[in-house]
Amino acid sequence: MLKKKTNRPLTKSANHEPKDTTSIDWIIWAAWADRITFEEIKEKSNKVESEVIKIMRSNLKPSSFKLWRKRVNKKSIKHRKLFEQSRKNIKKYNLNENF
């Protein structure tokens, strides 16, 4: 049986969470993940934000590091306090919109 050709690329593996939370692979995975804050990274790997930035700088290509920094600076969700505040603002906005 012949396989149908598609224009979409085939993904052979998903970006799964590494098992060891102290490994550099896990720290890089967590730093790229939008739902994981720097506080959670500190709790699981004992690395503060500045250490995570150094790890990212030394392990990513320069263009990837710049992209990550731009993304992290734009989003307020990498810090728990700012994330919680943004969630409150969204809830307030949605409540006001219903009236």
PDB file of N, CA and C in Angstrom:
ATOM      1  N   MET A   1       0.844  -1.178   0.000  1.00  0.00           N
ATOM      2  CA  MET A   1       0.000   0.000   0.000  1.00  0.00           C
ATOM      3  C   MET A   1       0.891   1.243   0.000  1.00  0.00           C
ATOM      4  N   LEU A   2       0.611   2.176  -0.872  1.00  0.00           N
ATOM      5  CA  LEU A   2       1.390   3.405  -0.956  1.00  0.00           C
ATOM      6  C   LEU A   2       0.872   4.436   0.032  1.00  0.00           C
ATOM      7  N   LYS A   3       1.820   5.153   0.619  1.00  0.00           N
ATOM      8  CA  LYS A   3       1.458   6.231   1.537  1.00  0.00           C
ATOM      9  C   LYS A   3       1.103   7.477   0.753  1.00  0.00           C
ATOM     10  N   LYS A   4       0.058   8.141   1.172  1.00  0.00           N
ATOM     11  CA  LYS A   4      -0.357   9.370   0.512  1.00  0.00           C
ATOM     12  C   LYS A   4       0.613  10.496   0.860  1.00  0.00           C
ATOM     13  N   LYS A   5       1.069  11.218  -0.145  1.00  0.00           N
ATOM     14  CA  LYS A   5       1.980  12.338   0.090  1.00  0.00           C
ATOM     15  C   LYS A   5       1.190  13.539   0.583  1.00  0.00           C
ATOM     16  N   THR A   6       1.748  14.208   1.568  1.00  0.00           N
ATOM     17  CA  THR A   6       1.134  15.435   2.062  1.00  0.00           C
ATOM     18  C   THR A   6       2.169  16.542   2.045  1.00  0.00           C
ATOM     19  N   ASN A   7       1.687  17.761   2.106  1.00  0.00           N
ATOM     20  CA  ASN A   7       2.591  18.910   2.151  1.00  0.00           C
ATOM     21  C   ASN A   7       3.044  19.206   3.571  1.00  0.00           C
ATOM     22  N   ARG A   8       2.356  18.615   4.535  1.00  0.00           N
ATOM     23  CA  ARG A   8       2.694  18.876   5.926  1.00  0.00           C
ATOM     24  C   ARG A   8       3.898  18.044   6.357  1.00  0.00           C
ATOM     25  N   PRO A   9       4.802  18.630   7.136  1.00  0.00           N
ATOM     26  CA  PRO A   9       5.944  17.847   7.627  1.00  0.00           C
ATOM     27  C   PRO A   9       5.486  16.848   8.687  1.00  0.00           C
ATOM     28  N   LEU A  10       6.145  15.719   8.728  1.00  0.00           N
ATOM     29  CA  LEU A  10       5.826  14.713   9.725  1.00  0.00           C
ATOM     30  C   LEU A  10       6.659  14.957  10.972  1.00  0.00           C
ATOM     31  N   THR A  11       6.013  14.954  12.106  1.00  0.00           N
ATOM     32  CA  THR A  11       6.710  15.111  13.373  1.00  0.00           C
ATOM     33  C   THR A  11       6.949  13.719  13.937  1.00  0.00           C
ATOM     34  N   LYS A  12       8.195  13.371  14.089  1.00  0.00           N
ATOM     35  CA  LYS A  12       8.516  12.031  14.551  1.00  0.00           C
ATOM     36  C   LYS A  12       8.516  11.919  16.062  1.00  0.00           C
ATOM     37  N   SER A  13       8.766  13.007  16.744  1.00  0.00           N
ATOM     38  CA  SER A  13       8.728  12.951  18.205  1.00  0.00           C
ATOM     39  C   SER A  13       8.233  14.288  18.745  1.00  0.00           C
ATOM     40  N   ALA A  14       7.484  14.200  19.815  1.00  0.00           N
ATOM     41  CA  ALA A  14       6.990  15.417  20.462  1.00  0.00           C
ATOM     42  C   ALA A  14       8.058  15.915  21.423  1.00  0.00           C
ATOM     43  N   ASN A  15       7.924  17.159  21.838  1.00  0.00           N
ATOM     44  CA  ASN A  15       8.877  17.749  22.770  1.00  0.00           C
ATOM     45  C   ASN A  15       8.445  17.412  24.194  1.00  0.00           C
ATOM     46  N   HIS A  16       8.798  16.205  24.632  1.00  0.00           N
ATOM     47  CA  HIS A  16       8.393  15.741  25.948  1.00  0.00           C
ATOM     48  C   HIS A  16       9.258  16.349  27.046  1.00  0.00           C
ATOM     49  N   GLU A  17       8.694  16.410  28.231  1.00  0.00           N
ATOM     50  CA  GLU A  17       9.420  16.943  29.382  1.00  0.00           C
ATOM     51  C   GLU A  17      10.514  15.951  29.794  1.00  0.00           C
ATOM     52  N   PRO A  18      11.765  16.421  29.898  1.00  0.00           N
ATOM     53  CA  PRO A  18      12.831  15.537  30.387  1.00  0.00           C
ATOM     54  C   PRO A  18      12.551  15.078  31.817  1.00  0.00           C
ATOM     55  N   LYS A  19      12.981  13.871  32.143  1.00  0.00           N
ATOM     56  CA  LYS A  19      12.681  13.278  33.447  1.00  0.00           C
ATOM     57  C   LYS A  19      13.424  13.946  34.603  1.00  0.00           C
ATOM     58  N   ASP A  20      14.708  14.219  34.422  1.00  0.00           N
ATOM     59  CA  ASP A  20      15.552  14.759  35.490  1.00  0.00           C
ATOM     60  C   ASP A  20      15.403  16.282  35.561  1.00  0.00           C
ATOM     61  N   THR A  21      14.781  16.776  36.643  1.00  0.00           N
ATOM     62  CA  THR A  21      14.514  18.218  36.748  1.00  0.00           C
ATOM     63  C   THR A  21      15.763  19.043  37.056  1.00  0.00           C
ATOM     64  N   THR A  22      16.872  18.395  37.338  1.00  0.00           N
ATOM     65  CA  THR A  22      18.104  19.150  37.593  1.00  0.00           C
ATOM     66  C   THR A  22      18.995  19.218  36.353  1.00  0.00           C
ATOM     67  N   SER A  23      18.615  18.541  35.285  1.00  0.00           N
ATOM     68  CA  SER A  23      19.447  18.527  34.075  1.00  0.00           C
ATOM     69  C   SER A  23      19.288  19.831  33.295  1.00  0.00           C
ATOM     70  N   ILE A  24      20.288  20.127  32.506  1.00  0.00           N
ATOM     71  CA  ILE A  24      20.253  21.323  31.667  1.00  0.00           C
ATOM     72  C   ILE A  24      19.132  21.199  30.638  1.00  0.00           C
ATOM     73  N   ASP A  25      18.892  19.993  30.142  1.00  0.00           N
ATOM     74  CA  ASP A  25      17.807  19.792  29.178  1.00  0.00           C
ATOM     75  C   ASP A  25      16.460  20.191  29.780  1.00  0.00           C
ATOM     76  N   TRP A  26      16.215  19.830  31.030  1.00  0.00           N
ATOM     77  CA  TRP A  26      14.952  20.172  31.670  1.00  0.00           C
ATOM     78  C   TRP A  26      14.851  21.691  31.867  1.00  0.00           C
ATOM     79  N   ILE A  27      15.934  22.320  32.280  1.00  0.00           N
ATOM     80  CA  ILE A  27      15.932  23.768  32.512  1.00  0.00           C
ATOM     81  C   ILE A  27      15.631  24.512  31.201  1.00  0.00           C
ATOM     82  N   ILE A  28      16.238  24.075  30.104  1.00  0.00           N
ATOM     83  CA  ILE A  28      15.984  24.705  28.807  1.00  0.00           C
ATOM     84  C   ILE A  28      14.535  24.459  28.390  1.00  0.00           C
ATOM     85  N   TRP A  29      14.051  23.241  28.583  1.00  0.00           N
ATOM     86  CA  TRP A  29      12.658  22.914  28.250  1.00  0.00           C
ATOM     87  C   TRP A  29      11.703  23.793  29.064  1.00  0.00           C
ATOM     88  N   ALA A  30      11.964  23.920  30.364  1.00  0.00           N
ATOM     89  CA  ALA A  30      11.094  24.700  31.241  1.00  0.00           C
ATOM     90  C   ALA A  30      11.158  26.190  30.906  1.00  0.00           C
ATOM     91  N   ALA A  31      12.338  26.675  30.552  1.00  0.00           N
ATOM     92  CA  ALA A  31      12.482  28.091  30.212  1.00  0.00           C
ATOM     93  C   ALA A  31      11.699  28.429  28.942  1.00  0.00           C
ATOM     94  N   TRP A  32      11.620  27.516  27.986  1.00  0.00           N
ATOM     95  CA  TRP A  32      10.856  27.747  26.767  1.00  0.00           C
ATOM     96  C   TRP A  32       9.366  27.600  27.003  1.00  0.00           C
ATOM     97  N   ALA A  33       8.966  26.805  28.006  1.00  0.00           N
ATOM     98  CA  ALA A  33       7.542  26.556  28.258  1.00  0.00           C
ATOM     99  C   ALA A  33       6.887  27.809  28.831  1.00  0.00           C
ATOM    100  N   ASP A  34       5.747  28.190  28.267  1.00  0.00           N
ATOM    101  CA  ASP A  34       5.065  29.408  28.709  1.00  0.00           C
ATOM    102  C   ASP A  34       4.422  29.241  30.079  1.00  0.00           C
ATOM    103  N   ARG A  35       4.011  28.058  30.421  1.00  0.00           N
ATOM    104  CA  ARG A  35       3.267  27.864  31.665  1.00  0.00           C
ATOM    105  C   ARG A  35       4.142  27.637  32.882  1.00  0.00           C
ATOM    106  N   ILE A  36       5.443  27.567  32.702  1.00  0.00           N
ATOM    107  CA  ILE A  36       6.344  27.333  33.829  1.00  0.00           C
ATOM    108  C   ILE A  36       7.051  28.635  34.166  1.00  0.00           C
ATOM    109  N   THR A  37       6.866  29.087  35.397  1.00  0.00           N
ATOM    110  CA  THR A  37       7.464  30.352  35.826  1.00  0.00           C
ATOM    111  C   THR A  37       8.889  30.132  36.314  1.00  0.00           C
ATOM    112  N   PHE A  38       9.628  31.237  36.441  1.00  0.00           N
ATOM    113  CA  PHE A  38      10.989  31.146  36.977  1.00  0.00           C
ATOM    114  C   PHE A  38      10.975  30.644  38.418  1.00  0.00           C
ATOM    115  N   GLU A  39       9.916  30.953  39.146  1.00  0.00           N
ATOM    116  CA  GLU A  39       9.807  30.482  40.524  1.00  0.00           C
ATOM    117  C   GLU A  39       9.691  28.959  40.573  1.00  0.00           C
ATOM    118  N   GLU A  40       8.931  28.384  39.642  1.00  0.00           N
ATOM    119  CA  GLU A  40       8.805  26.927  39.577  1.00  0.00           C
ATOM    120  C   GLU A  40      10.122  26.279  39.175  1.00  0.00           C
ATOM    121  N   ILE A  41      10.844  26.919  38.266  1.00  0.00           N
ATOM    122  CA  ILE A  41      12.161  26.410  37.873  1.00  0.00           C
ATOM    123  C   ILE A  41      13.090  26.410  39.082  1.00  0.00           C
ATOM    124  N   LYS A  42      13.041  27.472  39.892  1.00  0.00           N
ATOM    125  CA  LYS A  42      13.872  27.553  41.102  1.00  0.00           C
ATOM    126  C   LYS A  42      13.507  26.446  42.087  1.00  0.00           C
ATOM    127  N   GLU A  43      12.200  26.210  42.272  1.00  0.00           N
ATOM    128  CA  GLU A  43      11.761  25.177  43.208  1.00  0.00           C
ATOM    129  C   GLU A  43      12.243  23.788  42.795  1.00  0.00           C
ATOM    130  N   LYS A  44      12.221  23.509  41.494  1.00  0.00           N
ATOM    131  CA  LYS A  44      12.551  22.163  41.023  1.00  0.00           C
ATOM    132  C   LYS A  44      14.025  21.944  40.744  1.00  0.00           C
ATOM    133  N   SER A  45      14.742  23.002  40.330  1.00  0.00           N
ATOM    134  CA  SER A  45      16.139  22.809  39.935  1.00  0.00           C
ATOM    135  C   SER A  45      17.133  23.640  40.740  1.00  0.00           C
ATOM    136  N   ASN A  46      16.636  24.479  41.638  1.00  0.00           N
ATOM    137  CA  ASN A  46      17.488  25.367  42.453  1.00  0.00           C
ATOM    138  C   ASN A  46      18.312  26.342  41.609  1.00  0.00           C
ATOM    139  N   LYS A  47      17.770  26.735  40.460  1.00  0.00           N
ATOM    140  CA  LYS A  47      18.423  27.734  39.608  1.00  0.00           C
ATOM    141  C   LYS A  47      17.569  28.988  39.580  1.00  0.00           C
ATOM    142  N   VAL A  48      18.169  30.120  39.937  1.00  0.00           N
ATOM    143  CA  VAL A  48      17.445  31.392  39.903  1.00  0.00           C
ATOM    144  C   VAL A  48      17.410  31.909  38.466  1.00  0.00           C
ATOM    145  N   GLU A  49      16.643  32.959  38.238  1.00  0.00           N
ATOM    146  CA  GLU A  49      16.455  33.490  36.886  1.00  0.00           C
ATOM    147  C   GLU A  49      17.775  33.829  36.193  1.00  0.00           C
ATOM    148  N   SER A  50      18.691  34.461  36.893  1.00  0.00           N
ATOM    149  CA  SER A  50      19.966  34.838  36.268  1.00  0.00           C
ATOM    150  C   SER A  50      20.771  33.608  35.847  1.00  0.00           C
ATOM    151  N   GLU A  51      20.697  32.536  36.628  1.00  0.00           N
ATOM    152  CA  GLU A  51      21.391  31.296  36.256  1.00  0.00           C
ATOM    153  C   GLU A  51      20.731  30.644  35.044  1.00  0.00           C
ATOM    154  N   VAL A  52      19.411  30.710  34.985  1.00  0.00           N
ATOM    155  CA  VAL A  52      18.688  30.163  33.828  1.00  0.00           C
ATOM    156  C   VAL A  52      19.083  30.934  32.575  1.00  0.00           C
ATOM    157  N   ILE A  53      19.186  32.242  32.683  1.00  0.00           N
ATOM    158  CA  ILE A  53      19.586  33.068  31.539  1.00  0.00           C
ATOM    159  C   ILE A  53      20.994  32.684  31.078  1.00  0.00           C
ATOM    160  N   LYS A  54      21.910  32.470  32.015  1.00  0.00           N
ATOM    161  CA  LYS A  54      23.274  32.060  31.649  1.00  0.00           C
ATOM    162  C   LYS A  54      23.280  30.702  30.964  1.00  0.00           C
ATOM    163  N   ILE A  55      22.472  29.775  31.466  1.00  0.00           N
ATOM    164  CA  ILE A  55      22.375  28.442  30.851  1.00  0.00           C
ATOM    165  C   ILE A  55      21.827  28.569  29.433  1.00  0.00           C
ATOM    166  N   MET A  56      20.791  29.365  29.273  1.00  0.00           N
ATOM    167  CA  MET A  56      20.198  29.553  27.956  1.00  0.00           C
ATOM    168  C   MET A  56      21.205  30.205  27.001  1.00  0.00           C
ATOM    169  N   ARG A  57      21.932  31.202  27.478  1.00  0.00           N
ATOM    170  CA  ARG A  57      22.901  31.900  26.635  1.00  0.00           C
ATOM    171  C   ARG A  57      24.015  30.954  26.175  1.00  0.00           C
ATOM    172  N   SER A  58      24.467  30.084  27.063  1.00  0.00           N
ATOM    173  CA  SER A  58      25.590  29.216  26.713  1.00  0.00           C
ATOM    174  C   SER A  58      25.171  27.981  25.911  1.00  0.00           C
ATOM    175  N   ASN A  59      23.890  27.604  25.945  1.00  0.00           N
ATOM    176  CA  ASN A  59      23.462  26.376  25.280  1.00  0.00           C
ATOM    177  C   ASN A  59      22.628  26.600  24.016  1.00  0.00           C
ATOM    178  N   LEU A  60      22.195  27.812  23.774  1.00  0.00           N
ATOM    179  CA  LEU A  60      21.417  28.098  22.574  1.00  0.00           C
ATOM    180  C   LEU A  60      22.269  28.856  21.560  1.00  0.00           C
ATOM    181  N   LYS A  61      21.853  28.773  20.309  1.00  0.00           N
ATOM    182  CA  LYS A  61      22.488  29.606  19.296  1.00  0.00           C
ATOM    183  C   LYS A  61      22.166  31.062  19.631  1.00  0.00           C
ATOM    184  N   PRO A  62      23.012  32.009  19.234  1.00  0.00           N
ATOM    185  CA  PRO A  62      22.745  33.415  19.548  1.00  0.00           C
ATOM    186  C   PRO A  62      21.370  33.890  19.081  1.00  0.00           C
ATOM    187  N   SER A  63      20.957  33.484  17.890  1.00  0.00           N
ATOM    188  CA  SER A  63      19.652  33.925  17.392  1.00  0.00           C
ATOM    189  C   SER A  63      18.510  33.318  18.214  1.00  0.00           C
ATOM    190  N   SER A  64      18.660  32.078  18.647  1.00  0.00           N
ATOM    191  CA  SER A  64      17.634  31.437  19.475  1.00  0.00           C
ATOM    192  C   SER A  64      17.566  32.091  20.846  1.00  0.00           C
ATOM    193  N   PHE A  65      18.722  32.438  21.395  1.00  0.00           N
ATOM    194  CA  PHE A  65      18.750  33.106  22.695  1.00  0.00           C
ATOM    195  C   PHE A  65      18.060  34.463  22.610  1.00  0.00           C
ATOM    196  N   LYS A  66      18.354  35.232  21.550  1.00  0.00           N
ATOM    197  CA  LYS A  66      17.716  36.550  21.379  1.00  0.00           C
ATOM    198  C   LYS A  66      16.205  36.403  21.242  1.00  0.00           C
ATOM    199  N   LEU A  67      15.771  35.405  20.496  1.00  0.00           N
ATOM    200  CA  LEU A  67      14.343  35.152  20.331  1.00  0.00           C
ATOM    201  C   LEU A  67      13.695  34.808  21.669  1.00  0.00           C
ATOM    202  N   TRP A  68      14.355  33.965  22.453  1.00  0.00           N
ATOM    203  CA  TRP A  68      13.835  33.580  23.766  1.00  0.00           C
ATOM    204  C   TRP A  68      13.752  34.781  24.707  1.00  0.00           C
ATOM    205  N   ARG A  69      14.812  35.587  24.748  1.00  0.00           N
ATOM    206  CA  ARG A  69      14.816  36.769  25.625  1.00  0.00           C
ATOM    207  C   ARG A  69      13.712  37.746  25.228  1.00  0.00           C
ATOM    208  N   LYS A  70      13.532  37.957  23.941  1.00  0.00           N
ATOM    209  CA  LYS A  70      12.472  38.845  23.462  1.00  0.00           C
ATOM    210  C   LYS A  70      11.109  38.305  23.895  1.00  0.00           C
ATOM    211  N   ARG A  71      10.936  37.007  23.774  1.00  0.00           N
ATOM    212  CA  ARG A  71       9.675  36.365  24.136  1.00  0.00           C
ATOM    213  C   ARG A  71       9.408  36.439  25.635  1.00  0.00           C
ATOM    214  N   VAL A  72      10.435  36.186  26.433  1.00  0.00           N
ATOM    215  CA  VAL A  72      10.287  36.214  27.893  1.00  0.00           C
ATOM    216  C   VAL A  72      10.021  37.635  28.377  1.00  0.00           C
ATOM    217  N   ASN A  73      10.680  38.613  27.779  1.00  0.00           N
ATOM    218  CA  ASN A  73      10.475  40.000  28.197  1.00  0.00           C
ATOM    219  C   ASN A  73       9.094  40.518  27.823  1.00  0.00           C
ATOM    220  N   LYS A  74       8.527  40.005  26.744  1.00  0.00           N
ATOM    221  CA  LYS A  74       7.183  40.413  26.335  1.00  0.00           C
ATOM    222  C   LYS A  74       6.125  39.822  27.244  1.00  0.00           C
ATOM    223  N   LYS A  75       6.307  38.580  27.605  1.00  0.00           N
ATOM    224  CA  LYS A  75       5.285  37.872  28.369  1.00  0.00           C
ATOM    225  C   LYS A  75       5.474  38.113  29.862  1.00  0.00           C
ATOM    226  N   SER A  76       4.372  38.361  30.535  1.00  0.00           N
ATOM    227  CA  SER A  76       4.447  38.574  31.974  1.00  0.00           C
ATOM    228  C   SER A  76       4.252  37.270  32.729  1.00  0.00           C
ATOM    229  N   ILE A  77       4.095  36.164  32.026  1.00  0.00           N
ATOM    230  CA  ILE A  77       3.751  34.913  32.695  1.00  0.00           C
ATOM    231  C   ILE A  77       4.954  34.130  33.211  1.00  0.00           C
ATOM    232  N   LYS A  78       6.163  34.583  32.948  1.00  0.00           N
ATOM    233  CA  LYS A  78       7.332  33.863  33.448  1.00  0.00           C
ATOM    234  C   LYS A  78       7.609  34.179  34.921  1.00  0.00           C
ATOM    235  N   HIS A  79       6.870  35.127  35.487  1.00  0.00           N
ATOM    236  CA  HIS A  79       6.975  35.438  36.906  1.00  0.00           C
ATOM    237  C   HIS A  79       5.607  35.221  37.532  1.00  0.00           C
ATOM    238  N   ARG A  80       5.574  34.458  38.597  1.00  0.00           N
ATOM    239  CA  ARG A  80       4.304  34.051  39.204  1.00  0.00           C
ATOM    240  C   ARG A  80       3.424  35.239  39.587  1.00  0.00           C
ATOM    241  N   LYS A  81       4.001  36.254  40.217  1.00  0.00           N
ATOM    242  CA  LYS A  81       3.216  37.399  40.670  1.00  0.00           C
ATOM    243  C   LYS A  81       2.579  38.119  39.478  1.00  0.00           C
ATOM    244  N   LEU A  82       3.363  38.342  38.427  1.00  0.00           N
ATOM    245  CA  LEU A  82       2.837  39.008  37.238  1.00  0.00           C
ATOM    246  C   LEU A  82       1.810  38.127  36.526  1.00  0.00           C
ATOM    247  N   PHE A  83       2.042  36.815  36.540  1.00  0.00           N
ATOM    248  CA  PHE A  83       1.100  35.891  35.915  1.00  0.00           C
ATOM    249  C   PHE A  83      -0.243  35.938  36.638  1.00  0.00           C
ATOM    250  N   GLU A  84      -0.203  35.876  37.967  1.00  0.00           N
ATOM    251  CA  GLU A  84      -1.448  35.916  38.741  1.00  0.00           C
ATOM    252  C   GLU A  84      -2.184  37.227  38.520  1.00  0.00           C
ATOM    253  N   GLN A  85      -1.447  38.332  38.442  1.00  0.00           N
ATOM    254  CA  GLN A  85      -2.056  39.636  38.198  1.00  0.00           C
ATOM    255  C   GLN A  85      -2.701  39.681  36.818  1.00  0.00           C
ATOM    256  N   SER A  86      -2.025  39.124  35.824  1.00  0.00           N
ATOM    257  CA  SER A  86      -2.593  39.127  34.473  1.00  0.00           C
ATOM    258  C   SER A  86      -3.855  38.275  34.409  1.00  0.00           C
ATOM    259  N   ARG A  87      -3.904  37.183  35.169  1.00  0.00           N
ATOM    260  CA  ARG A  87      -5.103  36.341  35.204  1.00  0.00           C
ATOM    261  C   ARG A  87      -6.267  37.100  35.847  1.00  0.00           C
ATOM    262  N   LYS A  88      -5.979  37.871  36.888  1.00  0.00           N
ATOM    263  CA  LYS A  88      -7.027  38.669  37.530  1.00  0.00           C
ATOM    264  C   LYS A  88      -7.579  39.703  36.558  1.00  0.00           C
ATOM    265  N   ASN A  89      -6.686  40.335  35.800  1.00  0.00           N
ATOM    266  CA  ASN A  89      -7.114  41.340  34.821  1.00  0.00           C
ATOM    267  C   ASN A  89      -7.992  40.721  33.744  1.00  0.00           C
ATOM    268  N   ILE A  90      -7.648  39.523  33.306  1.00  0.00           N
ATOM    269  CA  ILE A  90      -8.448  38.836  32.289  1.00  0.00           C
ATOM    270  C   ILE A  90      -9.829  38.519  32.847  1.00  0.00           C
ATOM    271  N   LYS A  91      -9.876  38.025  34.086  1.00  0.00           N
ATOM    272  CA  LYS A  91     -11.166  37.692  34.699  1.00  0.00           C
ATOM    273  C   LYS A  91     -12.020  38.949  34.843  1.00  0.00           C
ATOM    274  N   LYS A  92     -11.410  40.057  35.298  1.00  0.00           N
ATOM    275  CA  LYS A  92     -12.137  41.320  35.444  1.00  0.00           C
ATOM    276  C   LYS A  92     -12.685  41.773  34.094  1.00  0.00           C
ATOM    277  N   TYR A  93     -11.855  41.708  33.076  1.00  0.00           N
ATOM    278  CA  TYR A  93     -12.268  42.126  31.740  1.00  0.00           C
ATOM    279  C   TYR A  93     -13.441  41.280  31.251  1.00  0.00           C
ATOM    280  N   ASN A  94     -13.363  39.966  31.458  1.00  0.00           N
ATOM    281  CA  ASN A  94     -14.437  39.074  31.010  1.00  0.00           C
ATOM    282  C   ASN A  94     -15.723  39.312  31.772  1.00  0.00           C
ATOM    283  N   LEU A  95     -15.629  39.629  33.072  1.00  0.00           N
ATOM    284  CA  LEU A  95     -16.829  39.918  33.842  1.00  0.00           C
ATOM    285  C   LEU A  95     -17.475  41.215  33.375  1.00  0.00           C
ATOM    286  N   ASN A  96     -16.677  42.234  33.114  1.00  0.00           N
ATOM    287  CA  ASN A  96     -17.204  43.514  32.651  1.00  0.00           C
ATOM    288  C   ASN A  96     -17.791  43.410  31.243  1.00  0.00           C
ATOM    289  N   GLU A  97     -17.250  42.529  30.448  1.00  0.00           N
ATOM    290  CA  GLU A  97     -17.701  42.374  29.079  1.00  0.00           C
ATOM    291  C   GLU A  97     -19.109  41.756  29.029  1.00  0.00           C
ATOM    292  N   ASN A  98     -19.444  40.940  30.016  1.00  0.00           N
ATOM    293  CA  ASN A  98     -20.746  40.263  30.035  1.00  0.00           C
ATOM    294  C   ASN A  98     -21.889  41.215  30.348  1.00  0.00           C
ATOM    295  N   PHE A  99     -21.601  42.364  30.895  1.00  0.00           N
ATOM    296  CA  PHE A  99     -22.685  43.294  31.268  1.00  0.00           C
ATOM    297  C   PHE A  99     -23.010  44.263  30.193  1.00  0.00           C
TER     298      PHE A  99
END
